[in-house]
Amino acid sequence: MADRTVAELKQKIAQAREVIAHLMDKAAFNGAEAHRALEYFGSDMFDRDFLPWPHTEEGLRPEELNAANDD
């Protein structure tokens, strides 16, 4: 069961990476954060602090951030 769960999670991550790439293409969005997401979801690493915004207990919520500084 655990092997199946791991395999399914790896497939789900691969799907997430494909969705991100597709959305980048359709939106003509080619910023640094998008590439960072592709690299992250294409690797085996896990980063607890991957999300680019502070956690709720840290104050700002994602919709409150200014994304204008994206490359």
PDB file of N, CA and C in Angstrom:
ATOM      1  N   MET A   1       0.819  -1.193   0.000  1.00  0.00           N
ATOM      2  CA  MET A   1       0.000   0.000   0.000  1.00  0.00           C
ATOM      3  C   MET A   1       0.864   1.259   0.000  1.00  0.00           C
ATOM      4  N   ALA A   2       1.913   1.284   0.814  1.00  0.00           N
ATOM      5  CA  ALA A   2       2.768   2.468   0.890  1.00  0.00           C
ATOM      6  C   ALA A   2       3.456   2.735  -0.438  1.00  0.00           C
ATOM      7  N   ASP A   3       3.917   1.676  -1.121  1.00  0.00           N
ATOM      8  CA  ASP A   3       4.562   1.858  -2.417  1.00  0.00           C
ATOM      9  C   ASP A   3       3.595   2.461  -3.426  1.00  0.00           C
ATOM     10  N   ARG A   4       2.342   2.021  -3.390  1.00  0.00           N
ATOM     11  CA  ARG A   4       1.333   2.553  -4.304  1.00  0.00           C
ATOM     12  C   ARG A   4       1.082   4.028  -4.007  1.00  0.00           C
ATOM     13  N   THR A   5       0.998   4.375  -2.735  1.00  0.00           N
ATOM     14  CA  THR A   5       0.771   5.762  -2.345  1.00  0.00           C
ATOM     15  C   THR A   5       1.912   6.649  -2.814  1.00  0.00           C
ATOM     16  N   VAL A   6       3.143   6.210  -2.632  1.00  0.00           N
ATOM     17  CA  VAL A   6       4.305   6.976  -3.077  1.00  0.00           C
ATOM     18  C   VAL A   6       4.269   7.148  -4.593  1.00  0.00           C
ATOM     19  N   ALA A   7       3.972   6.093  -5.311  1.00  0.00           N
ATOM     20  CA  ALA A   7       3.907   6.162  -6.774  1.00  0.00           C
ATOM     21  C   ALA A   7       2.815   7.129  -7.219  1.00  0.00           C
ATOM     22  N   GLU A   8       1.667   7.085  -6.561  1.00  0.00           N
ATOM     23  CA  GLU A   8       0.577   7.988  -6.916  1.00  0.00           C
ATOM     24  C   GLU A   8       0.932   9.438  -6.599  1.00  0.00           C
ATOM     25  N   LEU A   9       1.605   9.670  -5.491  1.00  0.00           N
ATOM     26  CA  LEU A   9       2.027  11.031  -5.152  1.00  0.00           C
ATOM     27  C   LEU A   9       3.041  11.560  -6.156  1.00  0.00           C
ATOM     28  N   LYS A  10       3.958  10.705  -6.602  1.00  0.00           N
ATOM     29  CA  LYS A  10       4.925  11.125  -7.619  1.00  0.00           C
ATOM     30  C   LYS A  10       4.217  11.464  -8.923  1.00  0.00           C
ATOM     31  N   GLN A  11       3.196  10.697  -9.277  1.00  0.00           N
ATOM     32  CA  GLN A  11       2.427  10.995 -10.485  1.00  0.00           C
ATOM     33  C   GLN A  11       1.668  12.307 -10.329  1.00  0.00           C
ATOM     34  N   LYS A  12       1.131  12.540  -9.155  1.00  0.00           N
ATOM     35  CA  LYS A  12       0.393  13.777  -8.904  1.00  0.00           C
ATOM     36  C   LYS A  12       1.319  14.985  -9.011  1.00  0.00           C
ATOM     37  N   ILE A  13       2.527  14.869  -8.495  1.00  0.00           N
ATOM     38  CA  ILE A  13       3.503  15.957  -8.598  1.00  0.00           C
ATOM     39  C   ILE A  13       3.864  16.196 -10.062  1.00  0.00           C
ATOM     40  N   ALA A  14       4.029  15.133 -10.829  1.00  0.00           N
ATOM     41  CA  ALA A  14       4.319  15.277 -12.257  1.00  0.00           C
ATOM     42  C   ALA A  14       3.163  15.987 -12.958  1.00  0.00           C
ATOM     43  N   GLN A  15       1.942  15.666 -12.575  1.00  0.00           N
ATOM     44  CA  GLN A  15       0.782  16.346 -13.148  1.00  0.00           C
ATOM     45  C   GLN A  15       0.790  17.829 -12.771  1.00  0.00           C
ATOM     46  N   ALA A  16       1.128  18.135 -11.528  1.00  0.00           N
ATOM     47  CA  ALA A  16       1.182  19.530 -11.085  1.00  0.00           C
ATOM     48  C   ALA A  16       2.192  20.312 -11.910  1.00  0.00           C
ATOM     49  N   ARG A  17       3.323  19.705 -12.170  1.00  0.00           N
ATOM     50  CA  ARG A  17       4.351  20.366 -12.974  1.00  0.00           C
ATOM     51  C   ARG A  17       3.841  20.630 -14.384  1.00  0.00           C
ATOM     52  N   GLU A  18       3.139  19.676 -14.981  1.00  0.00           N
ATOM     53  CA  GLU A  18       2.589  19.865 -16.324  1.00  0.00           C
ATOM     54  C   GLU A  18       1.539  20.970 -16.345  1.00  0.00           C
ATOM     55  N   VAL A  19       0.699  21.021 -15.313  1.00  0.00           N
ATOM     56  CA  VAL A  19      -0.316  22.071 -15.234  1.00  0.00           C
ATOM     57  C   VAL A  19       0.348  23.441 -15.134  1.00  0.00           C
ATOM     58  N   ILE A  20       1.364  23.562 -14.300  1.00  0.00           N
ATOM     59  CA  ILE A  20       2.074  24.834 -14.144  1.00  0.00           C
ATOM     60  C   ILE A  20       2.680  25.258 -15.477  1.00  0.00           C
ATOM     61  N   ALA A  21       3.336  24.338 -16.165  1.00  0.00           N
ATOM     62  CA  ALA A  21       3.942  24.656 -17.464  1.00  0.00           C
ATOM     63  C   ALA A  21       2.878  25.086 -18.467  1.00  0.00           C
ATOM     64  N   HIS A  22       1.752  24.406 -18.493  1.00  0.00           N
ATOM     65  CA  HIS A  22       0.666  24.747 -19.413  1.00  0.00           C
ATOM     66  C   HIS A  22       0.112  26.139 -19.107  1.00  0.00           C
ATOM     67  N   LEU A  23      -0.123  26.422 -17.832  1.00  0.00           N
ATOM     68  CA  LEU A  23      -0.644  27.731 -17.447  1.00  0.00           C
ATOM     69  C   LEU A  23       0.345  28.842 -17.762  1.00  0.00           C
ATOM     70  N   MET A  24       1.632  28.572 -17.579  1.00  0.00           N
ATOM     71  CA  MET A  24       2.656  29.561 -17.938  1.00  0.00           C
ATOM     72  C   MET A  24       2.587  29.865 -19.422  1.00  0.00           C
ATOM     73  N   ASP A  25       2.448  28.820 -20.228  1.00  0.00           N
ATOM     74  CA  ASP A  25       2.398  28.980 -21.676  1.00  0.00           C
ATOM     75  C   ASP A  25       1.157  29.756 -22.102  1.00  0.00           C
ATOM     76  N   LYS A  26       0.008  29.391 -21.591  1.00  0.00           N
ATOM     77  CA  LYS A  26      -1.254  30.030 -21.982  1.00  0.00           C
ATOM     78  C   LYS A  26      -1.327  31.481 -21.530  1.00  0.00           C
ATOM     79  N   ALA A  27      -0.755  31.790 -20.405  1.00  0.00           N
ATOM     80  CA  ALA A  27      -0.817  33.147 -19.870  1.00  0.00           C
ATOM     81  C   ALA A  27       0.373  33.992 -20.295  1.00  0.00           C
ATOM     82  N   ALA A  28       1.269  33.409 -21.075  1.00  0.00           N
ATOM     83  CA  ALA A  28       2.503  34.093 -21.464  1.00  0.00           C
ATOM     84  C   ALA A  28       3.222  34.604 -20.219  1.00  0.00           C
ATOM     85  N   PHE A  29       3.166  33.810 -19.165  1.00  0.00           N
ATOM     86  CA  PHE A  29       3.805  34.153 -17.901  1.00  0.00           C
ATOM     87  C   PHE A  29       5.100  33.381 -17.807  1.00  0.00           C
ATOM     88  N   ASN A  30       6.183  34.104 -17.766  1.00  0.00           N
ATOM     89  CA  ASN A  30       7.486  33.453 -17.795  1.00  0.00           C
ATOM     90  C   ASN A  30       8.375  33.999 -16.685  1.00  0.00           C
ATOM     91  N   GLY A  31       7.772  34.289 -15.535  1.00  0.00           N
ATOM     92  CA  GLY A  31       8.507  34.917 -14.448  1.00  0.00           C
ATOM     93  C   GLY A  31       9.347  33.955 -13.632  1.00  0.00           C
ATOM     94  N   ALA A  32      10.148  34.535 -12.777  1.00  0.00           N
ATOM     95  CA  ALA A  32      11.071  33.768 -11.945  1.00  0.00           C
ATOM     96  C   ALA A  32      10.338  32.802 -11.017  1.00  0.00           C
ATOM     97  N   GLU A  33       9.208  33.231 -10.439  1.00  0.00           N
ATOM     98  CA  GLU A  33       8.475  32.354  -9.521  1.00  0.00           C
ATOM     99  C   GLU A  33       7.893  31.154 -10.250  1.00  0.00           C
ATOM    100  N   ALA A  34       7.464  31.346 -11.490  1.00  0.00           N
ATOM    101  CA  ALA A  34       6.928  30.226 -12.274  1.00  0.00           C
ATOM    102  C   ALA A  34       8.027  29.202 -12.554  1.00  0.00           C
ATOM    103  N   HIS A  35       9.204  29.679 -12.920  1.00  0.00           N
ATOM    104  CA  HIS A  35      10.323  28.763 -13.175  1.00  0.00           C
ATOM    105  C   HIS A  35      10.770  28.071 -11.889  1.00  0.00           C
ATOM    106  N   ARG A  36      10.714  28.802 -10.797  1.00  0.00           N
ATOM    107  CA  ARG A  36      11.053  28.220  -9.494  1.00  0.00           C
ATOM    108  C   ARG A  36      10.085  27.073  -9.171  1.00  0.00           C
ATOM    109  N   ALA A  37       8.801  27.272  -9.457  1.00  0.00           N
ATOM    110  CA  ALA A  37       7.804  26.223  -9.213  1.00  0.00           C
ATOM    111  C   ALA A  37       8.069  25.011 -10.092  1.00  0.00           C
ATOM    112  N   LEU A  38       8.381  25.236 -11.365  1.00  0.00           N
ATOM    113  CA  LEU A  38       8.674  24.115 -12.260  1.00  0.00           C
ATOM    114  C   LEU A  38       9.878  23.319 -11.771  1.00  0.00           C
ATOM    115  N   GLU A  39      10.921  24.016 -11.378  1.00  0.00           N
ATOM    116  CA  GLU A  39      12.117  23.335 -10.880  1.00  0.00           C
ATOM    117  C   GLU A  39      11.802  22.540  -9.614  1.00  0.00           C
ATOM    118  N   TYR A  40      11.049  23.148  -8.717  1.00  0.00           N
ATOM    119  CA  TYR A  40      10.714  22.490  -7.451  1.00  0.00           C
ATOM    120  C   TYR A  40       9.899  21.225  -7.687  1.00  0.00           C
ATOM    121  N   PHE A  41       8.842  21.332  -8.484  1.00  0.00           N
ATOM    122  CA  PHE A  41       7.984  20.174  -8.711  1.00  0.00           C
ATOM    123  C   PHE A  41       8.624  19.145  -9.627  1.00  0.00           C
ATOM    124  N   GLY A  42       9.695  19.518 -10.302  1.00  0.00           N
ATOM    125  CA  GLY A  42      10.421  18.571 -11.137  1.00  0.00           C
ATOM    126  C   GLY A  42      11.520  17.840 -10.392  1.00  0.00           C
ATOM    127  N   SER A  43      11.732  18.210  -9.135  1.00  0.00           N
ATOM    128  CA  SER A  43      12.798  17.578  -8.350  1.00  0.00           C
ATOM    129  C   SER A  43      12.208  16.684  -7.262  1.00  0.00           C
ATOM    130  N   ASP A  44      13.070  15.945  -6.594  1.00  0.00           N
ATOM    131  CA  ASP A  44      12.647  15.071  -5.495  1.00  0.00           C
ATOM    132  C   ASP A  44      12.745  15.750  -4.135  1.00  0.00           C
ATOM    133  N   MET A  45      13.226  16.980  -4.114  1.00  0.00           N
ATOM    134  CA  MET A  45      13.414  17.645  -2.828  1.00  0.00           C
ATOM    135  C   MET A  45      12.085  18.133  -2.252  1.00  0.00           C
ATOM    136  N   PHE A  46      12.066  18.323  -0.934  1.00  0.00           N
ATOM    137  CA  PHE A  46      10.925  18.910  -0.252  1.00  0.00           C
ATOM    138  C   PHE A  46      11.427  20.094   0.546  1.00  0.00           C
ATOM    139  N   ASP A  47      10.761  21.230   0.388  1.00  0.00           N
ATOM    140  CA  ASP A  47      11.121  22.449   1.095  1.00  0.00           C
ATOM    141  C   ASP A  47       9.882  22.945   1.830  1.00  0.00           C
ATOM    142  N   ARG A  48       9.896  22.839   3.135  1.00  0.00           N
ATOM    143  CA  ARG A  48       8.749  23.261   3.943  1.00  0.00           C
ATOM    144  C   ARG A  48       8.423  24.735   3.692  1.00  0.00           C
ATOM    145  N   ASP A  49       9.405  25.522   3.350  1.00  0.00           N
ATOM    146  CA  ASP A  49       9.219  26.955   3.124  1.00  0.00           C
ATOM    147  C   ASP A  49       9.151  27.301   1.639  1.00  0.00           C
ATOM    148  N   PHE A  50       8.728  26.366   0.803  1.00  0.00           N
ATOM    149  CA  PHE A  50       8.679  26.603  -0.637  1.00  0.00           C
ATOM    150  C   PHE A  50       7.727  27.729  -1.029  1.00  0.00           C
ATOM    151  N   LEU A  51       6.566  27.803  -0.382  1.00  0.00           N
ATOM    152  CA  LEU A  51       5.570  28.797  -0.781  1.00  0.00           C
ATOM    153  C   LEU A  51       6.154  30.199  -0.692  1.00  0.00           C
ATOM    154  N   PRO A  52       5.891  31.032  -1.707  1.00  0.00           N
ATOM    155  CA  PRO A  52       6.535  32.346  -1.774  1.00  0.00           C
ATOM    156  C   PRO A  52       5.909  33.411  -0.887  1.00  0.00           C
ATOM    157  N   TRP A  53       4.924  33.057  -0.094  1.00  0.00           N
ATOM    158  CA  TRP A  53       4.309  34.045   0.776  1.00  0.00           C
ATOM    159  C   TRP A  53       4.415  33.595   2.225  1.00  0.00           C
ATOM    160  N   PRO A  54       4.290  34.557   3.130  1.00  0.00           N
ATOM    161  CA  PRO A  54       4.364  34.214   4.551  1.00  0.00           C
ATOM    162  C   PRO A  54       3.188  33.330   4.963  1.00  0.00           C
ATOM    163  N   HIS A  55       3.404  32.543   5.985  1.00  0.00           N
ATOM    164  CA  HIS A  55       2.321  31.735   6.538  1.00  0.00           C
ATOM    165  C   HIS A  55       1.341  32.656   7.257  1.00  0.00           C
ATOM    166  N   THR A  56       0.127  32.200   7.441  1.00  0.00           N
ATOM    167  CA  THR A  56      -0.925  33.015   8.047  1.00  0.00           C
ATOM    168  C   THR A  56      -0.469  33.653   9.354  1.00  0.00           C
ATOM    169  N   GLU A  57       0.208  32.882  10.177  1.00  0.00           N
ATOM    170  CA  GLU A  57       0.639  33.419  11.467  1.00  0.00           C
ATOM    171  C   GLU A  57       1.722  34.485  11.330  1.00  0.00           C
ATOM    172  N   GLU A  58       2.287  34.630  10.130  1.00  0.00           N
ATOM    173  CA  GLU A  58       3.332  35.628   9.913  1.00  0.00           C
ATOM    174  C   GLU A  58       2.767  36.951   9.408  1.00  0.00           C
ATOM    175  N   GLY A  59       1.473  37.011   9.156  1.00  0.00           N
ATOM    176  CA  GLY A  59       0.888  38.284   8.753  1.00  0.00           C
ATOM    177  C   GLY A  59       0.224  38.249   7.392  1.00  0.00           C
ATOM    178  N   LEU A  60       0.909  38.737   6.372  1.00  0.00           N
ATOM    179  CA  LEU A  60       0.310  38.895   5.053  1.00  0.00           C
ATOM    180  C   LEU A  60      -0.181  37.587   4.454  1.00  0.00           C
ATOM    181  N   ARG A  61      -1.308  37.678   3.770  1.00  0.00           N
ATOM    182  CA  ARG A  61      -1.849  36.540   3.042  1.00  0.00           C
ATOM    183  C   ARG A  61      -1.449  36.703   1.573  1.00  0.00           C
ATOM    184  N   PRO A  62      -1.459  35.638   0.781  1.00  0.00           N
ATOM    185  CA  PRO A  62      -1.023  35.714  -0.615  1.00  0.00           C
ATOM    186  C   PRO A  62      -1.688  36.827  -1.411  1.00  0.00           C
ATOM    187  N   GLU A  63      -2.978  37.022  -1.235  1.00  0.00           N
ATOM    188  CA  GLU A  63      -3.683  38.053  -2.001  1.00  0.00           C
ATOM    189  C   GLU A  63      -3.287  39.468  -1.590  1.00  0.00           C
ATOM    190  N   GLU A  64      -2.584  39.608  -0.481  1.00  0.00           N
ATOM    191  CA  GLU A  64      -2.142  40.915  -0.012  1.00  0.00           C
ATOM    192  C   GLU A  64      -0.738  41.273  -0.498  1.00  0.00           C
ATOM    193  N   LEU A  65      -0.074  40.334  -1.123  1.00  0.00           N
ATOM    194  CA  LEU A  65       1.291  40.571  -1.573  1.00  0.00           C
ATOM    195  C   LEU A  65       1.311  41.274  -2.922  1.00  0.00           C
ATOM    196  N   ASN A  66       2.370  42.018  -3.182  1.00  0.00           N
ATOM    197  CA  ASN A  66       2.552  42.688  -4.460  1.00  0.00           C
ATOM    198  C   ASN A  66       3.432  41.807  -5.328  1.00  0.00           C
ATOM    199  N   ALA A  67       2.874  41.283  -6.399  1.00  0.00           N
ATOM    200  CA  ALA A  67       3.624  40.394  -7.287  1.00  0.00           C
ATOM    201  C   ALA A  67       4.342  41.169  -8.385  1.00  0.00           C
ATOM    202  N   ALA A  68       4.349  42.479  -8.327  1.00  0.00           N
ATOM    203  CA  ALA A  68       4.948  43.296  -9.377  1.00  0.00           C
ATOM    204  C   ALA A  68       6.458  43.125  -9.471  1.00  0.00           C
ATOM    205  N   ASN A  69       7.091  42.575  -8.461  1.00  0.00           N
ATOM    206  CA  ASN A  69       8.544  42.422  -8.490  1.00  0.00           C
ATOM    207  C   ASN A  69       8.981  41.125  -9.149  1.00  0.00           C
ATOM    208  N   ASP A  70       8.058  40.385  -9.742  1.00  0.00           N
ATOM    209  CA  ASP A  70       8.408  39.135 -10.425  1.00  0.00           C
ATOM    210  C   ASP A  70       9.199  39.460 -11.687  1.00  0.00           C
ATOM    211  N   ASP A  71      10.267  38.719 -11.919  1.00  0.00           N
ATOM    212  CA  ASP A  71      11.109  38.981 -13.097  1.00  0.00           C
ATOM    213  C   ASP A  71      10.343  38.663 -14.338  1.00  0.00           C
TER     214      ASP A  71
END
